[in-house]
C-alpha atoms as a PDB file:
ATOM      1  CA  MET A   1     -26.345 -17.287 -31.521  1.00  0.00           C
ATOM      2  CA  PRO A   2     -27.002 -15.683 -34.907  1.00  0.00           C
ATOM      3  CA  GLY A   3     -23.967 -14.677 -36.895  1.00  0.00           C
ATOM      4  CA  ALA A   4     -23.012 -11.155 -37.875  1.00  0.00           C
ATOM      5  CA  SER A   5     -20.760  -9.560 -40.480  1.00  0.00           C
ATOM      6  CA  GLN A   6     -18.526  -8.268 -37.694  1.00  0.00           C
ATOM      7  CA  PRO A   7     -18.453  -9.858 -34.232  1.00  0.00           C
ATOM      8  CA  PHE A   8     -19.005  -7.612 -31.233  1.00  0.00           C
ATOM      9  CA  VAL A   9     -15.760  -8.842 -29.637  1.00  0.00           C
ATOM     10  CA  ALA A  10     -13.050  -9.925 -32.067  1.00  0.00           C
ATOM     11  CA  ILE A  11      -9.894 -11.567 -30.713  1.00  0.00           C
ATOM     12  CA  GLU A  12      -7.616 -11.644 -33.730  1.00  0.00           C
ATOM     13  CA  ARG A  13      -4.520 -13.874 -33.742  1.00  0.00           C
ATOM     14  CA  VAL A  14      -3.490 -12.871 -30.236  1.00  0.00           C
ATOM     15  CA  SER A  15      -0.191 -14.148 -28.833  1.00  0.00           C
ATOM     16  CA  LYS A  16       1.485 -13.229 -25.549  1.00  0.00           C
ATOM     17  CA  THR A  17       4.937 -13.870 -24.176  1.00  0.00           C
ATOM     18  CA  PHE A  18       6.396 -12.856 -20.817  1.00  0.00           C
ATOM     19  CA  GLN A  19      10.037 -12.263 -20.002  1.00  0.00           C
ATOM     20  CA  ALA A  20      10.686 -11.509 -16.346  1.00  0.00           C
ATOM     21  CA  ASP A  21      14.465 -11.495 -16.757  1.00  0.00           C
ATOM     22  CA  PRO A  22      16.341 -10.536 -19.956  1.00  0.00           C
ATOM     23  CA  ARG A  23      18.900 -13.232 -19.154  1.00  0.00           C
ATOM     24  CA  THR A  24      16.275 -15.954 -19.523  1.00  0.00           C
ATOM     25  CA  PRO A  25      14.241 -16.937 -22.612  1.00  0.00           C
ATOM     26  CA  PRO A  26      10.699 -15.547 -22.916  1.00  0.00           C
ATOM     27  CA  ILE A  27       7.774 -17.727 -21.845  1.00  0.00           C
ATOM     28  CA  ALA A  28       5.023 -18.203 -24.426  1.00  0.00           C
ATOM     29  CA  VAL A  29       1.641 -17.966 -22.665  1.00  0.00           C
ATOM     30  CA  ILE A  30      -0.842 -17.528 -25.550  1.00  0.00           C
ATOM     31  CA  ASP A  31      -0.245 -18.782 -29.078  1.00  0.00           C
ATOM     32  CA  ASP A  32      -2.183 -17.266 -31.985  1.00  0.00           C
ATOM     33  CA  ILE A  33      -5.749 -17.350 -30.610  1.00  0.00           C
ATOM     34  CA  SER A  34      -8.692 -16.018 -32.612  1.00  0.00           C
ATOM     35  CA  ILE A  35     -12.233 -15.922 -31.191  1.00  0.00           C
ATOM     36  CA  ALA A  36     -15.359 -14.126 -32.439  1.00  0.00           C
ATOM     37  CA  ILE A  37     -18.020 -13.296 -29.834  1.00  0.00           C
ATOM     38  CA  GLU A  38     -21.458 -11.979 -30.707  1.00  0.00           C
ATOM     39  CA  LYS A  39     -23.281  -9.294 -28.751  1.00  0.00           C
ATOM     40  CA  GLY A  40     -25.202 -10.798 -25.831  1.00  0.00           C
ATOM     41  CA  GLU A  41     -23.281 -14.085 -25.760  1.00  0.00           C
ATOM     42  CA  LEU A  42     -21.882 -15.662 -22.629  1.00  0.00           C
ATOM     43  CA  VAL A  43     -18.682 -17.478 -23.534  1.00  0.00           C
ATOM     44  CA  VAL A  44     -16.490 -19.418 -21.142  1.00  0.00           C
ATOM     45  CA  PHE A  45     -12.716 -19.760 -21.288  1.00  0.00           C
ATOM     46  CA  LEU A  46     -12.116 -23.176 -19.750  1.00  0.00           C
ATOM     47  CA  GLY A  47      -8.776 -24.720 -18.946  1.00  0.00           C
ATOM     48  CA  PRO A  48      -6.308 -25.671 -16.218  1.00  0.00           C
ATOM     49  CA  SER A  49      -4.795 -23.097 -13.877  1.00  0.00           C
ATOM     50  CA  GLY A  50      -1.824 -21.347 -15.465  1.00  0.00           C
ATOM     51  CA  CYS A  51      -2.828 -22.077 -19.056  1.00  0.00           C
ATOM     52  CA  GLY A  52      -3.268 -18.427 -20.149  1.00  0.00           C
ATOM     53  CA  LYS A  53      -7.056 -17.996 -20.084  1.00  0.00           C
ATOM     54  CA  THR A  54      -6.964 -15.187 -17.504  1.00  0.00           C
ATOM     55  CA  THR A  55      -4.161 -13.474 -19.418  1.00  0.00           C
ATOM     56  CA  LEU A  56      -6.315 -13.461 -22.557  1.00  0.00           C
ATOM     57  CA  MET A  57      -9.269 -12.056 -20.612  1.00  0.00           C
ATOM     58  CA  ARG A  58      -7.005  -9.311 -19.226  1.00  0.00           C
ATOM     59  CA  ILE A  59      -5.925  -8.464 -22.779  1.00  0.00           C
ATOM     60  CA  VAL A  60      -9.612  -8.093 -23.734  1.00  0.00           C
ATOM     61  CA  GLY A  61     -10.032  -5.837 -20.683  1.00  0.00           C
ATOM     62  CA  GLY A  62      -7.062  -3.668 -21.647  1.00  0.00           C
ATOM     63  CA  LEU A  63      -5.083  -4.657 -18.526  1.00  0.00           C
ATOM     64  CA  GLU A  64      -2.451  -6.508 -20.559  1.00  0.00           C
ATOM     65  CA  THR A  65      -1.028  -5.844 -24.018  1.00  0.00           C
ATOM     66  CA  ALA A  66      -0.812  -8.575 -26.638  1.00  0.00           C
ATOM     67  CA  THR A  67       2.654  -9.349 -27.992  1.00  0.00           C
ATOM     68  CA  ARG A  68       1.034  -9.975 -31.370  1.00  0.00           C
ATOM     69  CA  GLY A  69      -2.502  -9.625 -32.652  1.00  0.00           C
ATOM     70  CA  ARG A  70      -5.291  -7.374 -31.451  1.00  0.00           C
ATOM     71  CA  VAL A  71      -8.723  -7.229 -29.799  1.00  0.00           C
ATOM     72  CA  LEU A  72     -11.616  -5.150 -31.100  1.00  0.00           C
ATOM     73  CA  ILE A  73     -14.864  -4.350 -29.299  1.00  0.00           C
ATOM     74  CA  ASP A  74     -17.662  -3.078 -31.523  1.00  0.00           C
ATOM     75  CA  GLY A  75     -15.075  -2.486 -34.239  1.00  0.00           C
ATOM     76  CA  GLU A  76     -12.724  -0.382 -32.083  1.00  0.00           C
ATOM     77  CA  PRO A  77      -9.293  -1.672 -30.998  1.00  0.00           C
ATOM     78  CA  VAL A  78      -8.794  -2.167 -27.254  1.00  0.00           C
ATOM     79  CA  SER A  79      -5.984   0.123 -26.096  1.00  0.00           C
ATOM     80  CA  GLY A  80      -6.456   0.102 -22.322  1.00  0.00           C
ATOM     81  CA  PRO A  81      -9.021  -0.123 -19.514  1.00  0.00           C
ATOM     82  CA  SER A  82     -12.295   1.753 -19.923  1.00  0.00           C
ATOM     83  CA  ARG A  83     -15.857   1.852 -18.605  1.00  0.00           C
ATOM     84  CA  GLN A  84     -16.816  -0.161 -21.700  1.00  0.00           C
ATOM     85  CA  LYS A  85     -15.313  -3.218 -19.990  1.00  0.00           C
ATOM     86  CA  GLY A  86     -16.380  -4.223 -16.484  1.00  0.00           C
ATOM     87  CA  MET A  87     -14.411  -6.779 -14.468  1.00  0.00           C
ATOM     88  CA  VAL A  88     -15.389  -9.053 -11.572  1.00  0.00           C
ATOM     89  CA  PHE A  89     -12.608 -11.001  -9.872  1.00  0.00           C
ATOM     90  CA  GLN A  90     -12.480 -13.995  -7.538  1.00  0.00           C
ATOM     91  CA  SER A  91     -11.405 -11.830  -4.606  1.00  0.00           C
ATOM     92  CA  TYR A  92     -14.110  -9.652  -3.069  1.00  0.00           C
ATOM     93  CA  SER A  93     -13.559  -6.123  -4.308  1.00  0.00           C
ATOM     94  CA  SER A  94     -16.126  -4.184  -2.290  1.00  0.00           C
ATOM     95  CA  PHE A  95     -15.299  -1.118  -0.197  1.00  0.00           C
ATOM     96  CA  PRO A  96     -15.625  -2.018   3.518  1.00  0.00           C
ATOM     97  CA  TRP A  97     -16.211   1.592   4.604  1.00  0.00           C
ATOM     98  CA  LEU A  98     -19.371   1.794   2.441  1.00  0.00           C
ATOM     99  CA  ASN A  99     -22.680   0.018   2.937  1.00  0.00           C
ATOM    100  CA  VAL A 100     -24.146  -2.269   0.274  1.00  0.00           C
ATOM    101  CA  LEU A 101     -26.136   0.395  -1.566  1.00  0.00           C
ATOM    102  CA  ASP A 102     -23.294   2.927  -1.500  1.00  0.00           C
ATOM    103  CA  ASN A 103     -20.972   0.274  -2.964  1.00  0.00           C
ATOM    104  CA  ILE A 104     -23.389  -0.128  -5.854  1.00  0.00           C
ATOM    105  CA  ARG A 105     -23.793   3.652  -6.190  1.00  0.00           C
ATOM    106  CA  PHE A 106     -20.014   3.892  -6.551  1.00  0.00           C
ATOM    107  CA  GLY A 107     -20.301   2.043  -9.865  1.00  0.00           C
ATOM    108  CA  LEU A 108     -22.370   4.962 -11.159  1.00  0.00           C
ATOM    109  CA  LYS A 109     -19.992   7.659  -9.949  1.00  0.00           C
ATOM    110  CA  PHE A 110     -18.335   8.339 -13.294  1.00  0.00           C
ATOM    111  CA  ARG A 111     -21.397   7.978 -15.522  1.00  0.00           C
ATOM    112  CA  ASP A 112     -22.409  11.245 -17.173  1.00  0.00           C
ATOM    113  CA  ASP A 113     -25.136   9.753 -19.371  1.00  0.00           C
ATOM    114  CA  ILE A 114     -27.799   9.805 -16.625  1.00  0.00           C
ATOM    115  CA  ASP A 115     -28.854  12.321 -14.001  1.00  0.00           C
ATOM    116  CA  ALA A 116     -28.784  11.878 -10.217  1.00  0.00           C
ATOM    117  CA  ALA A 117     -32.345  10.528 -10.049  1.00  0.00           C
ATOM    118  CA  GLY A 118     -31.566   8.041 -12.812  1.00  0.00           C
ATOM    119  CA  LYS A 119     -28.458   6.888 -10.960  1.00  0.00           C
ATOM    120  CA  GLU A 120     -30.468   6.251  -7.827  1.00  0.00           C
ATOM    121  CA  ARG A 121     -33.057   4.241  -9.761  1.00  0.00           C
ATOM    122  CA  LEU A 122     -30.313   2.172 -11.375  1.00  0.00           C
ATOM    123  CA  ALA A 123     -28.530   1.524  -8.077  1.00  0.00           C
ATOM    124  CA  ARG A 124     -31.733   0.177  -6.562  1.00  0.00           C
ATOM    125  CA  HIS A 125     -32.521  -1.790  -9.739  1.00  0.00           C
ATOM    126  CA  TYR A 126     -29.211  -3.650  -9.502  1.00  0.00           C
ATOM    127  CA  LEU A 127     -29.612  -4.084  -5.742  1.00  0.00           C
ATOM    128  CA  ASP A 128     -32.885  -5.910  -6.464  1.00  0.00           C
ATOM    129  CA  LEU A 129     -31.483  -7.792  -9.463  1.00  0.00           C
ATOM    130  CA  VAL A 130     -28.771  -9.494  -7.400  1.00  0.00           C
ATOM    131  CA  GLY A 131     -31.210 -10.293  -4.586  1.00  0.00           C
ATOM    132  CA  LEU A 132     -29.947  -7.865  -1.940  1.00  0.00           C
ATOM    133  CA  LYS A 133     -33.074  -5.810  -1.297  1.00  0.00           C
ATOM    134  CA  GLY A 134     -33.318  -5.363   2.470  1.00  0.00           C
ATOM    135  CA  PHE A 135     -29.534  -5.359   2.900  1.00  0.00           C
ATOM    136  CA  GLU A 136     -28.850  -1.891   1.481  1.00  0.00           C
ATOM    137  CA  ASP A 137     -27.756  -0.434   4.833  1.00  0.00           C
ATOM    138  CA  TYR A 138     -25.444  -3.325   5.809  1.00  0.00           C
ATOM    139  CA  TYR A 139     -21.705  -2.751   5.633  1.00  0.00           C
ATOM    140  CA  VAL A 140     -20.017  -5.351   3.439  1.00  0.00           C
ATOM    141  CA  ASN A 141     -17.866  -6.721   6.273  1.00  0.00           C
ATOM    142  CA  ARG A 142     -21.147  -7.761   7.939  1.00  0.00           C
ATOM    143  CA  ILE A 143     -22.448  -9.910   5.078  1.00  0.00           C
ATOM    144  CA  SER A 144     -21.377 -13.276   3.662  1.00  0.00           C
ATOM    145  CA  GLY A 145     -18.816 -13.835   0.929  1.00  0.00           C
ATOM    146  CA  GLY A 146     -21.528 -14.773  -1.553  1.00  0.00           C
ATOM    147  CA  MET A 147     -23.405 -11.554  -0.810  1.00  0.00           C
ATOM    148  CA  ARG A 148     -20.218  -9.512  -1.164  1.00  0.00           C
ATOM    149  CA  GLN A 149     -19.679 -11.018  -4.599  1.00  0.00           C
ATOM    150  CA  ARG A 150     -23.236 -10.061  -5.527  1.00  0.00           C
ATOM    151  CA  VAL A 151     -22.408  -6.490  -4.462  1.00  0.00           C
ATOM    152  CA  ALA A 152     -19.359  -6.543  -6.749  1.00  0.00           C
ATOM    153  CA  ILE A 153     -21.455  -7.808  -9.676  1.00  0.00           C
ATOM    154  CA  ALA A 154     -24.150  -5.170  -9.086  1.00  0.00           C
ATOM    155  CA  ARG A 155     -21.568  -2.376  -8.834  1.00  0.00           C
ATOM    156  CA  THR A 156     -19.914  -3.509 -12.076  1.00  0.00           C
ATOM    157  CA  LEU A 157     -23.253  -3.714 -13.913  1.00  0.00           C
ATOM    158  CA  ALA A 158     -24.213  -0.253 -12.617  1.00  0.00           C
ATOM    159  CA  ALA A 159     -21.171   1.210 -14.360  1.00  0.00           C
ATOM    160  CA  GLY A 160     -22.834   0.290 -17.669  1.00  0.00           C
ATOM    161  CA  PRO A 161     -20.159  -1.834 -19.371  1.00  0.00           C
ATOM    162  CA  ASP A 162     -20.715  -3.314 -22.826  1.00  0.00           C
ATOM    163  CA  VAL A 163     -18.624  -6.364 -21.919  1.00  0.00           C
ATOM    164  CA  LEU A 164     -18.538  -8.075 -18.524  1.00  0.00           C
ATOM    165  CA  LEU A 165     -15.292  -9.932 -17.782  1.00  0.00           C
ATOM    166  CA  MET A 166     -15.524 -12.425 -14.929  1.00  0.00           C
ATOM    167  CA  ASP A 167     -12.375 -14.141 -13.663  1.00  0.00           C
ATOM    168  CA  GLU A 168     -13.419 -17.179 -11.581  1.00  0.00           C
ATOM    169  CA  PRO A 169     -15.812 -14.950  -9.602  1.00  0.00           C
ATOM    170  CA  PHE A 170     -17.380 -17.850  -7.696  1.00  0.00           C
ATOM    171  CA  GLY A 171     -14.182 -19.790  -7.083  1.00  0.00           C
ATOM    172  CA  ALA A 172     -13.833 -18.853  -3.398  1.00  0.00           C
ATOM    173  CA  LEU A 173     -17.445 -19.667  -2.489  1.00  0.00           C
ATOM    174  CA  ASP A 174     -18.927 -22.767  -0.906  1.00  0.00           C
ATOM    175  CA  ALA A 175     -21.008 -25.112  -3.082  1.00  0.00           C
ATOM    176  CA  GLN A 176     -24.383 -23.692  -2.019  1.00  0.00           C
ATOM    177  CA  ASN A 177     -23.426 -20.072  -2.708  1.00  0.00           C
ATOM    178  CA  ARG A 178     -21.737 -21.089  -5.945  1.00  0.00           C
ATOM    179  CA  ASP A 179     -24.887 -22.823  -7.210  1.00  0.00           C
ATOM    180  CA  PHE A 180     -27.024 -19.835  -6.204  1.00  0.00           C
ATOM    181  CA  LEU A 181     -24.813 -17.302  -7.978  1.00  0.00           C
ATOM    182  CA  GLN A 182     -24.527 -19.430 -11.112  1.00  0.00           C
ATOM    183  CA  ALA A 183     -28.330 -19.471 -11.309  1.00  0.00           C
ATOM    184  CA  GLN A 184     -28.420 -15.741 -10.492  1.00  0.00           C
ATOM    185  CA  LEU A 185     -25.974 -14.980 -13.316  1.00  0.00           C
ATOM    186  CA  ASP A 186     -28.259 -16.823 -15.736  1.00  0.00           C
ATOM    187  CA  VAL A 187     -31.129 -14.563 -14.607  1.00  0.00           C
ATOM    188  CA  ILE A 188     -28.928 -11.447 -14.950  1.00  0.00           C
ATOM    189  CA  GLN A 189     -27.830 -12.477 -18.433  1.00  0.00           C
ATOM    190  CA  ARG A 190     -31.429 -12.890 -19.593  1.00  0.00           C
ATOM    191  CA  SER A 191     -32.402  -9.540 -18.015  1.00  0.00           C
ATOM    192  CA  GLU A 192     -29.419  -7.409 -19.046  1.00  0.00           C
ATOM    193  CA  HIS A 193     -28.293  -9.098 -22.307  1.00  0.00           C
ATOM    194  CA  LYS A 194     -24.662  -8.362 -21.536  1.00  0.00           C
ATOM    195  CA  THR A 195     -21.780  -9.829 -23.496  1.00  0.00           C
ATOM    196  CA  ILE A 196     -19.904 -11.896 -20.909  1.00  0.00           C
ATOM    197  CA  ILE A 197     -16.518 -13.605 -20.936  1.00  0.00           C
ATOM    198  CA  PHE A 198     -16.303 -15.963 -17.975  1.00  0.00           C
ATOM    199  CA  VAL A 199     -13.038 -17.657 -16.952  1.00  0.00           C
ATOM    200  CA  THR A 200     -13.146 -20.897 -14.980  1.00  0.00           C
ATOM    201  CA  HIS A 201     -11.452 -24.271 -14.574  1.00  0.00           C
ATOM    202  CA  ASP A 202     -14.712 -25.813 -13.284  1.00  0.00           C
ATOM    203  CA  VAL A 203     -16.275 -27.926 -16.045  1.00  0.00           C
ATOM    204  CA  GLU A 204     -19.739 -28.154 -14.482  1.00  0.00           C
ATOM    205  CA  GLU A 205     -19.856 -24.375 -14.036  1.00  0.00           C
ATOM    206  CA  ALA A 206     -18.792 -23.870 -17.659  1.00  0.00           C
ATOM    207  CA  VAL A 207     -21.480 -26.194 -19.040  1.00  0.00           C
ATOM    208  CA  PHE A 208     -24.202 -24.639 -16.883  1.00  0.00           C
ATOM    209  CA  LEU A 209     -23.419 -21.026 -17.805  1.00  0.00           C
ATOM    210  CA  ALA A 210     -22.073 -20.970 -21.349  1.00  0.00           C
ATOM    211  CA  ASP A 211     -23.557 -20.398 -24.761  1.00  0.00           C
ATOM    212  CA  ARG A 212     -20.153 -21.535 -26.005  1.00  0.00           C
ATOM    213  CA  ILE A 213     -17.097 -22.949 -24.261  1.00  0.00           C
ATOM    214  CA  PHE A 214     -13.560 -22.478 -25.564  1.00  0.00           C
ATOM    215  CA  ILE A 215     -11.341 -25.229 -24.166  1.00  0.00           C
ATOM    216  CA  PHE A 216      -7.755 -24.052 -23.726  1.00  0.00           C
ATOM    217  CA  SER A 217      -4.705 -26.246 -24.069  1.00  0.00           C
ATOM    218  CA  ALA A 218      -1.873 -26.292 -21.581  1.00  0.00           C
ATOM    219  CA  ARG A 219       0.469 -23.330 -21.979  1.00  0.00           C
ATOM    220  CA  PRO A 220       1.107 -21.880 -24.472  1.00  0.00           C
ATOM    221  CA  ALA A 221      -2.652 -21.573 -24.761  1.00  0.00           C
ATOM    222  CA  ARG A 222      -4.344 -22.645 -27.960  1.00  0.00           C
ATOM    223  CA  ILE A 223      -8.014 -23.410 -28.524  1.00  0.00           C
ATOM    224  CA  LEU A 224      -8.428 -27.178 -28.468  1.00  0.00           C
ATOM    225  CA  GLU A 225     -12.157 -27.161 -29.107  1.00  0.00           C
ATOM    226  CA  GLU A 226     -15.181 -24.890 -29.278  1.00  0.00           C
ATOM    227  CA  VAL A 227     -18.262 -26.452 -27.651  1.00  0.00           C
ATOM    228  CA  ARG A 228     -21.649 -25.017 -28.556  1.00  0.00           C
ATOM    229  CA  VAL A 229     -23.554 -25.702 -25.345  1.00  0.00           C
ATOM    230  CA  CYS A 230     -26.541 -23.743 -26.653  1.00  0.00           C
ATOM    231  CA  ASP A 231     -27.067 -26.464 -29.282  1.00  0.00           C
ATOM    232  CA  VAL A 232     -27.795 -29.137 -26.656  1.00  0.00           C
ATOM    233  CA  LEU A 233     -29.086 -27.228 -23.610  1.00  0.00           C
ATOM    234  CA  PRO A 234     -31.787 -24.522 -23.502  1.00  0.00           C
ATOM    235  CA  PRO A 235     -30.616 -20.900 -23.195  1.00  0.00           C
ATOM    236  CA  GLU A 236     -32.561 -20.477 -19.947  1.00  0.00           C
ATOM    237  CA  ARG A 237     -31.241 -22.969 -17.406  1.00  0.00           C
ATOM    238  CA  THR A 238     -32.073 -23.943 -13.872  1.00  0.00           C
ATOM    239  CA  LEU A 239     -30.062 -26.021 -11.425  1.00  0.00           C
ATOM    240  CA  GLU A 240     -32.235 -29.026 -12.357  1.00  0.00           C
ATOM    241  CA  HIS A 241     -30.516 -29.128 -15.758  1.00  0.00           C
ATOM    242  CA  LYS A 242     -27.354 -30.275 -13.965  1.00  0.00           C
ATOM    243  CA  ASP A 243     -29.111 -33.595 -13.252  1.00  0.00           C
ATOM    244  CA  SER A 244     -30.041 -34.263 -16.878  1.00  0.00           C
ATOM    245  CA  GLU A 245     -28.424 -36.957 -19.007  1.00  0.00           C
ATOM    246  CA  VAL A 246     -27.449 -34.427 -21.704  1.00  0.00           C
ATOM    247  CA  PHE A 247     -25.661 -32.264 -19.133  1.00  0.00           C
ATOM    248  CA  PHE A 248     -23.930 -35.286 -17.590  1.00  0.00           C
ATOM    249  CA  LYS A 249     -22.627 -36.595 -20.938  1.00  0.00           C
ATOM    250  CA  LEU A 250     -21.373 -33.190 -22.094  1.00  0.00           C
ATOM    251  CA  ARG A 251     -19.684 -32.507 -18.752  1.00  0.00           C
ATOM    252  CA  ASN A 252     -17.907 -35.871 -18.813  1.00  0.00           C
ATOM    253  CA  ARG A 253     -16.692 -35.435 -22.397  1.00  0.00           C
ATOM    254  CA  ILE A 254     -15.227 -32.012 -21.625  1.00  0.00           C
ATOM    255  CA  LEU A 255     -13.808 -33.276 -18.327  1.00  0.00           C
ATOM    256  CA  GLY A 256     -11.775 -35.895 -20.185  1.00  0.00           C
ATOM    257  CA  ILE A 257     -10.200 -33.195 -22.375  1.00  0.00           C
ATOM    258  CA  THR A 258      -9.431 -30.818 -19.495  1.00  0.00           C
ATOM    259  CA  ARG A 259      -7.929 -33.520 -17.278  1.00  0.00           C
ATOM    260  CA  ALA A 260      -5.393 -34.340 -19.966  1.00  0.00           C
ATOM    261  CA  GLN A 261      -4.467 -30.650 -20.246  1.00  0.00           C
ATOM    262  CA  ALA A 262      -4.237 -30.277 -16.446  1.00  0.00           C
ATOM    263  CA  LEU A 263      -1.733 -33.150 -16.394  1.00  0.00           C
ATOM    264  CA  ARG A 264       0.258 -31.453 -19.157  1.00  0.00           C
ATOM    265  CA  THR A 265       0.256 -28.180 -17.184  1.00  0.00           C
ATOM    266  CA  GLU A 266       1.451 -29.980 -14.059  1.00  0.00           C
ATOM    267  CA  GLN A 267       4.308 -31.506 -16.044  1.00  0.00           C
ATOM    268  CA  LEU A 268       5.289 -28.036 -17.307  1.00  0.00           C
ATOM    269  CA  MET A 269       5.257 -26.621 -13.769  1.00  0.00           C
ATOM    270  CA  MET A 270       7.394 -29.475 -12.447  1.00  0.00           C
ATOM    271  CA  GLY A 271       9.832 -28.742 -15.231  1.00  0.00           C
ATOM    272  CA  GLY A 272      10.466 -25.349 -13.625  1.00  0.00           C
ATOM    273  CA  ASN A 273       8.970 -23.254 -16.418  1.00  0.00           C
ATOM    274  CA  GLY A 274       5.784 -22.069 -14.722  1.00  0.00           C
ATOM    275  CA  ALA A 275       3.364 -19.617 -16.264  1.00  0.00           C
ATOM    276  CA  PRO A 276       3.043 -16.103 -14.867  1.00  0.00           C
END
């Protein structure tokens, strides 16, 4: 992606420690991480479970506070949650008492930049964008898990965030739904040009989706390597790219790095000093 004098999202020397009990020493989770993200990029935080990647994403979202360092979005420091930052989690976060379209409309509830007619157009636009046209009147407890996650993505996009934060959103899905939603997210990214931070421990998913991948070490999290996927794979990808030699080689190289860090994380856990 082209550079800029000031990145759209700037993570500046962020560190985080947790201390559940004052009688015990604090646990270092993130150690002095700096990342610059340009507007419209999709970056992936990749690393083993418990390494701190979700904690860093939550700091960007204003749900956690850094112990040291800061995060800026469009030049403004992050001081808490806001509509500027939309979040999609692994667990399905739809409202079961609302149908599909009303769930998406809920994302527009607090927007005062468009009128009622504009909100209705947007709700139906995002319904179509995530491939749920024809299901608008279904209640979410009557549709599949993959469809419920599409509802959550549409509702979050409808709220108009500048940054979309996605914490292993496809992790609970079967392989077929996971592949479909990965491809769907690529379509959404090209259509909406959102800045996306995507957290995963799945190497193949990271390579398929990312412009850049930041590989996290075992806790305390540091950046082991930045991988510019966009230099070796086209920005517009289909599932067929997963069968290419370039994809296979890049996936295997990254897999070797992450397996070593997963082993290190397991050793830390067995030592009784688990990450929050």
